[in-house]
Amino acid sequence: MKLNSFGAASLLALSLVMISGCDQVEKSAQQVIGKASESAKQAIDDTQKAAEQALSEATQGLINPQKKDDQADKTDESNSQET
């Protein structure tokens, strides 16, 4: 009888250790995924900046995406005020 209760207690303790280990693995995985997503976002931002600079250099400054967007916003605003 004592052996069965000792076995059950051991099994319960082992299960708790396994569950806590899984929690640690999950937390570590979430941290790794978070860092990877931040790195990917930074790489995308850097690529966009480089592409905009290359476009600006290739067109010798004739096209500037920032100014184009600003002009479109101003055009939309003036069109909405006229109506």
PDB file of N, CA and C in Angstrom:
ATOM      1  N   MET A   1       0.833  -1.195   0.000  1.00  0.00           N
ATOM      2  CA  MET A   1       0.000   0.000   0.000  1.00  0.00           C
ATOM      3  C   MET A   1       0.873   1.252   0.000  1.00  0.00           C
ATOM      4  N   LYS A   2       1.918   1.231   0.844  1.00  0.00           N
ATOM      5  CA  LYS A   2       2.797   2.388   0.880  1.00  0.00           C
ATOM      6  C   LYS A   2       3.516   2.566  -0.444  1.00  0.00           C
ATOM      7  N   LEU A   3       3.842   1.478  -1.106  1.00  0.00           N
ATOM      8  CA  LEU A   3       4.524   1.544  -2.385  1.00  0.00           C
ATOM      9  C   LEU A   3       3.637   2.188  -3.438  1.00  0.00           C
ATOM     10  N   ASN A   4       2.353   1.882  -3.436  1.00  0.00           N
ATOM     11  CA  ASN A   4       1.424   2.471  -4.396  1.00  0.00           C
ATOM     12  C   ASN A   4       1.270   3.969  -4.160  1.00  0.00           C
ATOM     13  N   SER A   5       1.149   4.393  -2.921  1.00  0.00           N
ATOM     14  CA  SER A   5       0.998   5.821  -2.639  1.00  0.00           C
ATOM     15  C   SER A   5       2.293   6.577  -2.964  1.00  0.00           C
ATOM     16  N   PHE A   6       3.444   5.911  -2.711  1.00  0.00           N
ATOM     17  CA  PHE A   6       4.726   6.516  -3.055  1.00  0.00           C
ATOM     18  C   PHE A   6       4.853   6.648  -4.573  1.00  0.00           C
ATOM     19  N   GLY A   7       4.418   5.638  -5.295  1.00  0.00           N
ATOM     20  CA  GLY A   7       4.444   5.658  -6.761  1.00  0.00           C
ATOM     21  C   GLY A   7       3.532   6.743  -7.313  1.00  0.00           C
ATOM     22  N   ALA A   8       2.349   6.890  -6.722  1.00  0.00           N
ATOM     23  CA  ALA A   8       1.411   7.917  -7.168  1.00  0.00           C
ATOM     24  C   ALA A   8       1.972   9.310  -6.896  1.00  0.00           C
ATOM     25  N   ALA A   9       2.590   9.483  -5.726  1.00  0.00           N
ATOM     26  CA  ALA A   9       3.188  10.772  -5.388  1.00  0.00           C
ATOM     27  C   ALA A   9       4.348  11.082  -6.330  1.00  0.00           C
ATOM     28  N   SER A  10       5.143  10.077  -6.642  1.00  0.00           N
ATOM     29  CA  SER A  10       6.261  10.268  -7.565  1.00  0.00           C
ATOM     30  C   SER A  10       5.765  10.633  -8.959  1.00  0.00           C
ATOM     31  N   LEU A  11       4.721   9.954  -9.405  1.00  0.00           N
ATOM     32  CA  LEU A  11       4.144  10.240 -10.706  1.00  0.00           C
ATOM     33  C   LEU A  11       3.591  11.664 -10.751  1.00  0.00           C
ATOM     34  N   LEU A  12       2.944  12.094  -9.692  1.00  0.00           N
ATOM     35  CA  LEU A  12       2.406  13.451  -9.613  1.00  0.00           C
ATOM     36  C   LEU A  12       3.539  14.476  -9.628  1.00  0.00           C
ATOM     37  N   ALA A  13       4.592  14.221  -8.871  1.00  0.00           N
ATOM     38  CA  ALA A  13       5.737  15.138  -8.830  1.00  0.00           C
ATOM     39  C   ALA A  13       6.408  15.210 -10.197  1.00  0.00           C
ATOM     40  N   LEU A  14       6.561  14.082 -10.839  1.00  0.00           N
ATOM     41  CA  LEU A  14       7.160  14.054 -12.172  1.00  0.00           C
ATOM     42  C   LEU A  14       6.303  14.820 -13.175  1.00  0.00           C
ATOM     43  N   SER A  15       5.007  14.668 -13.069  1.00  0.00           N
ATOM     44  CA  SER A  15       4.091  15.396 -13.959  1.00  0.00           C
ATOM     45  C   SER A  15       4.220  16.902 -13.758  1.00  0.00           C
ATOM     46  N   LEU A  16       4.325  17.336 -12.508  1.00  0.00           N
ATOM     47  CA  LEU A  16       4.476  18.766 -12.227  1.00  0.00           C
ATOM     48  C   LEU A  16       5.784  19.307 -12.785  1.00  0.00           C
ATOM     49  N   VAL A  17       6.849  18.512 -12.665  1.00  0.00           N
ATOM     50  CA  VAL A  17       8.142  18.931 -13.211  1.00  0.00           C
ATOM     51  C   VAL A  17       8.048  19.049 -14.728  1.00  0.00           C
ATOM     52  N   MET A  18       7.385  18.108 -15.365  1.00  0.00           N
ATOM     53  CA  MET A  18       7.234  18.148 -16.822  1.00  0.00           C
ATOM     54  C   MET A  18       6.418  19.361 -17.255  1.00  0.00           C
ATOM     55  N   ILE A  19       5.337  19.658 -16.523  1.00  0.00           N
ATOM     56  CA  ILE A  19       4.492  20.806 -16.863  1.00  0.00           C
ATOM     57  C   ILE A  19       5.262  22.109 -16.696  1.00  0.00           C
ATOM     58  N   SER A  20       6.000  22.228 -15.600  1.00  0.00           N
ATOM     59  CA  SER A  20       6.769  23.462 -15.402  1.00  0.00           C
ATOM     60  C   SER A  20       7.859  23.585 -16.453  1.00  0.00           C
ATOM     61  N   GLY A  21       8.435  22.471 -16.855  1.00  0.00           N
ATOM     62  CA  GLY A  21       9.419  22.493 -17.930  1.00  0.00           C
ATOM     63  C   GLY A  21       8.809  22.946 -19.236  1.00  0.00           C
ATOM     64  N   CYS A  22       7.587  22.508 -19.517  1.00  0.00           N
ATOM     65  CA  CYS A  22       6.891  22.919 -20.739  1.00  0.00           C
ATOM     66  C   CYS A  22       6.603  24.415 -20.717  1.00  0.00           C
ATOM     67  N   ASP A  23       6.243  24.943 -19.558  1.00  0.00           N
ATOM     68  CA  ASP A  23       6.001  26.379 -19.441  1.00  0.00           C
ATOM     69  C   ASP A  23       7.264  27.169 -19.756  1.00  0.00           C
ATOM     70  N   GLN A  24       8.396  26.691 -19.254  1.00  0.00           N
ATOM     71  CA  GLN A  24       9.665  27.363 -19.527  1.00  0.00           C
ATOM     72  C   GLN A  24      10.002  27.313 -21.012  1.00  0.00           C
ATOM     73  N   VAL A  25       9.762  26.180 -21.628  1.00  0.00           N
ATOM     74  CA  VAL A  25      10.017  26.037 -23.060  1.00  0.00           C
ATOM     75  C   VAL A  25       9.113  26.980 -23.846  1.00  0.00           C
ATOM     76  N   GLU A  26       7.853  27.062 -23.444  1.00  0.00           N
ATOM     77  CA  GLU A  26       6.905  27.950 -24.132  1.00  0.00           C
ATOM     78  C   GLU A  26       7.335  29.407 -23.992  1.00  0.00           C
ATOM     79  N   LYS A  27       7.724  29.810 -22.804  1.00  0.00           N
ATOM     80  CA  LYS A  27       8.171  31.190 -22.589  1.00  0.00           C
ATOM     81  C   LYS A  27       9.410  31.499 -23.409  1.00  0.00           C
ATOM     82  N   SER A  28      10.341  30.555 -23.442  1.00  0.00           N
ATOM     83  CA  SER A  28      11.554  30.753 -24.234  1.00  0.00           C
ATOM     84  C   SER A  28      11.230  30.862 -25.714  1.00  0.00           C
ATOM     85  N   ALA A  29      10.324  30.024 -26.178  1.00  0.00           N
ATOM     86  CA  ALA A  29       9.932  30.056 -27.585  1.00  0.00           C
ATOM     87  C   ALA A  29       9.265  31.382 -27.925  1.00  0.00           C
ATOM     88  N   GLN A  30       8.429  31.889 -27.031  1.00  0.00           N
ATOM     89  CA  GLN A  30       7.777  33.172 -27.265  1.00  0.00           C
ATOM     90  C   GLN A  30       8.802  34.299 -27.339  1.00  0.00           C
ATOM     91  N   GLN A  31       9.818  34.247 -26.485  1.00  0.00           N
ATOM     92  CA  GLN A  31      10.868  35.270 -26.520  1.00  0.00           C
ATOM     93  C   GLN A  31      11.640  35.210 -27.831  1.00  0.00           C
ATOM     94  N   VAL A  32      11.960  34.005 -28.277  1.00  0.00           N
ATOM     95  CA  VAL A  32      12.694  33.847 -29.534  1.00  0.00           C
ATOM     96  C   VAL A  32      11.854  34.349 -30.700  1.00  0.00           C
ATOM     97  N   ILE A  33      10.573  34.022 -30.707  1.00  0.00           N
ATOM     98  CA  ILE A  33       9.684  34.472 -31.774  1.00  0.00           C
ATOM     99  C   ILE A  33       9.553  35.989 -31.752  1.00  0.00           C
ATOM    100  N   GLY A  34       9.460  36.571 -30.570  1.00  0.00           N
ATOM    101  CA  GLY A  34       9.379  38.027 -30.456  1.00  0.00           C
ATOM    102  C   GLY A  34      10.624  38.708 -31.000  1.00  0.00           C
ATOM    103  N   LYS A  35      11.787  38.180 -30.654  1.00  0.00           N
ATOM    104  CA  LYS A  35      13.038  38.753 -31.160  1.00  0.00           C
ATOM    105  C   LYS A  35      13.148  38.583 -32.664  1.00  0.00           C
ATOM    106  N   ALA A  36      12.718  37.441 -33.170  1.00  0.00           N
ATOM    107  CA  ALA A  36      12.783  37.190 -34.614  1.00  0.00           C
ATOM    108  C   ALA A  36      11.846  38.135 -35.363  1.00  0.00           C
ATOM    109  N   SER A  37      10.669  38.386 -34.810  1.00  0.00           N
ATOM    110  CA  SER A  37       9.737  39.291 -35.491  1.00  0.00           C
ATOM    111  C   SER A  37      10.253  40.726 -35.470  1.00  0.00           C
ATOM    112  N   GLU A  38      10.902  41.130 -34.393  1.00  0.00           N
ATOM    113  CA  GLU A  38      11.502  42.467 -34.342  1.00  0.00           C
ATOM    114  C   GLU A  38      12.624  42.598 -35.372  1.00  0.00           C
ATOM    115  N   SER A  39      13.440  41.550 -35.484  1.00  0.00           N
ATOM    116  CA  SER A  39      14.522  41.571 -36.471  1.00  0.00           C
ATOM    117  C   SER A  39      13.963  41.630 -37.887  1.00  0.00           C
ATOM    118  N   ALA A  40      12.903  40.877 -38.137  1.00  0.00           N
ATOM    119  CA  ALA A  40      12.288  40.884 -39.466  1.00  0.00           C
ATOM    120  C   ALA A  40      11.702  42.256 -39.778  1.00  0.00           C
ATOM    121  N   LYS A  41      11.051  42.871 -38.802  1.00  0.00           N
ATOM    122  CA  LYS A  41      10.475  44.202 -39.000  1.00  0.00           C
ATOM    123  C   LYS A  41      11.569  45.214 -39.302  1.00  0.00           C
ATOM    124  N   GLN A  42      12.668  45.134 -38.583  1.00  0.00           N
ATOM    125  CA  GLN A  42      13.798  46.049 -38.813  1.00  0.00           C
ATOM    126  C   GLN A  42      14.370  45.840 -40.207  1.00  0.00           C
ATOM    127  N   ALA A  43      14.486  44.594 -40.625  1.00  0.00           N
ATOM    128  CA  ALA A  43      15.016  44.298 -41.960  1.00  0.00           C
ATOM    129  C   ALA A  43      14.096  44.850 -43.042  1.00  0.00           C
ATOM    130  N   ILE A  44      12.792  44.740 -42.846  1.00  0.00           N
ATOM    131  CA  ILE A  44      11.827  45.275 -43.809  1.00  0.00           C
ATOM    132  C   ILE A  44      11.933  46.793 -43.867  1.00  0.00           C
ATOM    133  N   ASP A  45      12.019  47.434 -42.712  1.00  0.00           N
ATOM    134  CA  ASP A  45      12.152  48.898 -42.678  1.00  0.00           C
ATOM    135  C   ASP A  45      13.431  49.353 -43.368  1.00  0.00           C
ATOM    136  N   ASP A  46      14.538  48.654 -43.098  1.00  0.00           N
ATOM    137  CA  ASP A  46      15.813  49.003 -43.724  1.00  0.00           C
ATOM    138  C   ASP A  46      15.749  48.817 -45.238  1.00  0.00           C
ATOM    139  N   THR A  47      15.095  47.735 -45.668  1.00  0.00           N
ATOM    140  CA  THR A  47      14.959  47.472 -47.099  1.00  0.00           C
ATOM    141  C   THR A  47      14.122  48.550 -47.772  1.00  0.00           C
ATOM    142  N   GLN A  48      13.044  48.977 -47.110  1.00  0.00           N
ATOM    143  CA  GLN A  48      12.200  50.025 -47.674  1.00  0.00           C
ATOM    144  C   GLN A  48      12.977  51.333 -47.808  1.00  0.00           C
ATOM    145  N   LYS A  49      13.729  51.685 -46.788  1.00  0.00           N
ATOM    146  CA  LYS A  49      14.532  52.914 -46.848  1.00  0.00           C
ATOM    147  C   LYS A  49      15.556  52.846 -47.971  1.00  0.00           C
ATOM    148  N   ALA A  50      16.211  51.693 -48.100  1.00  0.00           N
ATOM    149  CA  ALA A  50      17.212  51.534 -49.160  1.00  0.00           C
ATOM    150  C   ALA A  50      16.560  51.610 -50.538  1.00  0.00           C
ATOM    151  N   ALA A  51      15.373  51.019 -50.684  1.00  0.00           N
ATOM    152  CA  ALA A  51      14.674  51.057 -51.962  1.00  0.00           C
ATOM    153  C   ALA A  51      14.251  52.484 -52.313  1.00  0.00           C
ATOM    154  N   GLU A  52      13.764  53.229 -51.329  1.00  0.00           N
ATOM    155  CA  GLU A  52      13.374  54.617 -51.571  1.00  0.00           C
ATOM    156  C   GLU A  52      14.587  55.460 -51.960  1.00  0.00           C
ATOM    157  N   GLN A  53      15.704  55.223 -51.295  1.00  0.00           N
ATOM    158  CA  GLN A  53      16.914  55.970 -51.621  1.00  0.00           C
ATOM    159  C   GLN A  53      17.405  55.610 -53.016  1.00  0.00           C
ATOM    160  N   ALA A  54      17.378  54.336 -53.356  1.00  0.00           N
ATOM    161  CA  ALA A  54      17.808  53.909 -54.688  1.00  0.00           C
ATOM    162  C   ALA A  54      16.907  54.493 -55.762  1.00  0.00           C
ATOM    163  N   LEU A  55      15.600  54.522 -55.507  1.00  0.00           N
ATOM    164  CA  LEU A  55      14.661  55.113 -56.460  1.00  0.00           C
ATOM    165  C   LEU A  55      14.927  56.593 -56.629  1.00  0.00           C
ATOM    166  N   SER A  56      15.175  57.273 -55.537  1.00  0.00           N
ATOM    167  CA  SER A  56      15.461  58.700 -55.587  1.00  0.00           C
ATOM    168  C   SER A  56      16.739  58.967 -56.373  1.00  0.00           C
ATOM    169  N   GLU A  57      17.755  58.161 -56.126  1.00  0.00           N
ATOM    170  CA  GLU A  57      19.016  58.334 -56.848  1.00  0.00           C
ATOM    171  C   GLU A  57      18.858  57.997 -58.326  1.00  0.00           C
ATOM    172  N   ALA A  58      18.072  56.966 -58.627  1.00  0.00           N
ATOM    173  CA  ALA A  58      17.890  56.550 -60.014  1.00  0.00           C
ATOM    174  C   ALA A  58      17.114  57.590 -60.813  1.00  0.00           C
ATOM    175  N   THR A  59      16.194  58.259 -60.166  1.00  0.00           N
ATOM    176  CA  THR A  59      15.393  59.275 -60.862  1.00  0.00           C
ATOM    177  C   THR A  59      15.973  60.665 -60.648  1.00  0.00           C
ATOM    178  N   GLN A  60      17.110  60.735 -60.021  1.00  0.00           N
ATOM    179  CA  GLN A  60      17.809  61.989 -59.734  1.00  0.00           C
ATOM    180  C   GLN A  60      16.909  62.974 -58.986  1.00  0.00           C
ATOM    181  N   GLY A  61      16.140  62.444 -58.073  1.00  0.00           N
ATOM    182  CA  GLY A  61      15.315  63.283 -57.212  1.00  0.00           C
ATOM    183  C   GLY A  61      14.037  63.785 -57.852  1.00  0.00           C
ATOM    184  N   LEU A  62      13.718  63.342 -59.069  1.00  0.00           N
ATOM    185  CA  LEU A  62      12.491  63.798 -59.722  1.00  0.00           C
ATOM    186  C   LEU A  62      11.248  63.243 -59.041  1.00  0.00           C
ATOM    187  N   ILE A  63      11.372  62.053 -58.499  1.00  0.00           N
ATOM    188  CA  ILE A  63      10.252  61.419 -57.804  1.00  0.00           C
ATOM    189  C   ILE A  63      10.660  61.245 -56.349  1.00  0.00           C
ATOM    190  N   ASN A  64       9.851  61.775 -55.455  1.00  0.00           N
ATOM    191  CA  ASN A  64      10.095  61.608 -54.028  1.00  0.00           C
ATOM    192  C   ASN A  64       8.817  61.048 -53.422  1.00  0.00           C
ATOM    193  N   PRO A  65       8.826  59.781 -52.974  1.00  0.00           N
ATOM    194  CA  PRO A  65       7.598  59.158 -52.463  1.00  0.00           C
ATOM    195  C   PRO A  65       6.946  59.957 -51.337  1.00  0.00           C
ATOM    196  N   GLN A  66       7.736  60.590 -50.483  1.00  0.00           N
ATOM    197  CA  GLN A  66       7.170  61.363 -49.379  1.00  0.00           C
ATOM    198  C   GLN A  66       6.375  62.543 -49.918  1.00  0.00           C
ATOM    199  N   LYS A  67       6.954  63.290 -50.838  1.00  0.00           N
ATOM    200  CA  LYS A  67       6.276  64.463 -51.385  1.00  0.00           C
ATOM    201  C   LYS A  67       5.045  64.059 -52.172  1.00  0.00           C
ATOM    202  N   LYS A  68       5.129  62.964 -52.912  1.00  0.00           N
ATOM    203  CA  LYS A  68       3.993  62.498 -53.704  1.00  0.00           C
ATOM    204  C   LYS A  68       2.808  62.196 -52.798  1.00  0.00           C
ATOM    205  N   ASP A  69       3.054  61.516 -51.682  1.00  0.00           N
ATOM    206  CA  ASP A  69       1.990  61.203 -50.733  1.00  0.00           C
ATOM    207  C   ASP A  69       1.416  62.485 -50.129  1.00  0.00           C
ATOM    208  N   ASP A  70       2.279  63.445 -49.781  1.00  0.00           N
ATOM    209  CA  ASP A  70       1.815  64.704 -49.211  1.00  0.00           C
ATOM    210  C   ASP A  70       0.951  65.462 -50.203  1.00  0.00           C
ATOM    211  N   GLN A  71       1.345  65.482 -51.476  1.00  0.00           N
ATOM    212  CA  GLN A  71       0.577  66.176 -52.490  1.00  0.00           C
ATOM    213  C   GLN A  71      -0.779  65.510 -52.686  1.00  0.00           C
ATOM    214  N   ALA A  72      -0.821  64.197 -52.653  1.00  0.00           N
ATOM    215  CA  ALA A  72      -2.090  63.478 -52.797  1.00  0.00           C
ATOM    216  C   ALA A  72      -3.022  63.818 -51.642  1.00  0.00           C
ATOM    217  N   ASP A  73      -2.482  63.907 -50.428  1.00  0.00           N
ATOM    218  CA  ASP A  73      -3.305  64.267 -49.270  1.00  0.00           C
ATOM    219  C   ASP A  73      -3.855  65.680 -49.422  1.00  0.00           C
ATOM    220  N   LYS A  74      -3.040  66.612 -49.872  1.00  0.00           N
ATOM    221  CA  LYS A  74      -3.496  67.995 -50.052  1.00  0.00           C
ATOM    222  C   LYS A  74      -4.554  68.090 -51.138  1.00  0.00           C
ATOM    223  N   THR A  75      -4.390  67.306 -52.202  1.00  0.00           N
ATOM    224  CA  THR A  75      -5.370  67.299 -53.283  1.00  0.00           C
ATOM    225  C   THR A  75      -6.697  66.757 -52.776  1.00  0.00           C
ATOM    226  N   ASP A  76      -6.651  65.695 -51.988  1.00  0.00           N
ATOM    227  CA  ASP A  76      -7.870  65.123 -51.427  1.00  0.00           C
ATOM    228  C   ASP A  76      -8.572  66.127 -50.509  1.00  0.00           C
ATOM    229  N   GLU A  77      -7.797  66.845 -49.703  1.00  0.00           N
ATOM    230  CA  GLU A  77      -8.376  67.818 -48.788  1.00  0.00           C
ATOM    231  C   GLU A  77      -9.037  68.972 -49.555  1.00  0.00           C
ATOM    232  N   SER A  78      -8.379  69.466 -50.589  1.00  0.00           N
ATOM    233  CA  SER A  78      -8.943  70.589 -51.344  1.00  0.00           C
ATOM    234  C   SER A  78     -10.174  70.135 -52.119  1.00  0.00           C
ATOM    235  N   ASN A  79     -10.199  68.907 -52.593  1.00  0.00           N
ATOM    236  CA  ASN A  79     -11.368  68.393 -53.305  1.00  0.00           C
ATOM    237  C   ASN A  79     -12.552  68.237 -52.365  1.00  0.00           C
ATOM    238  N   SER A  80     -12.316  67.825 -51.141  1.00  0.00           N
ATOM    239  CA  SER A  80     -13.415  67.646 -50.193  1.00  0.00           C
ATOM    240  C   SER A  80     -13.956  68.989 -49.709  1.00  0.00           C
ATOM    241  N   GLN A  81     -13.122  70.022 -49.680  1.00  0.00           N
ATOM    242  CA  GLN A  81     -13.575  71.345 -49.263  1.00  0.00           C
ATOM    243  C   GLN A  81     -14.395  72.015 -50.355  1.00  0.00           C
ATOM    244  N   GLU A  82     -14.128  71.701 -51.625  1.00  0.00           N
ATOM    245  CA  GLU A  82     -14.848  72.315 -52.730  1.00  0.00           C
ATOM    246  C   GLU A  82     -16.281  71.828 -52.810  1.00  0.00           C
ATOM    247  N   THR A  83     -16.568  70.622 -52.368  1.00  0.00           N
ATOM    248  CA  THR A  83     -17.919  70.066 -52.497  1.00  0.00           C
ATOM    249  C   THR A  83     -18.821  70.489 -51.409  1.00  0.00           C
TER     250      THR A  83
END
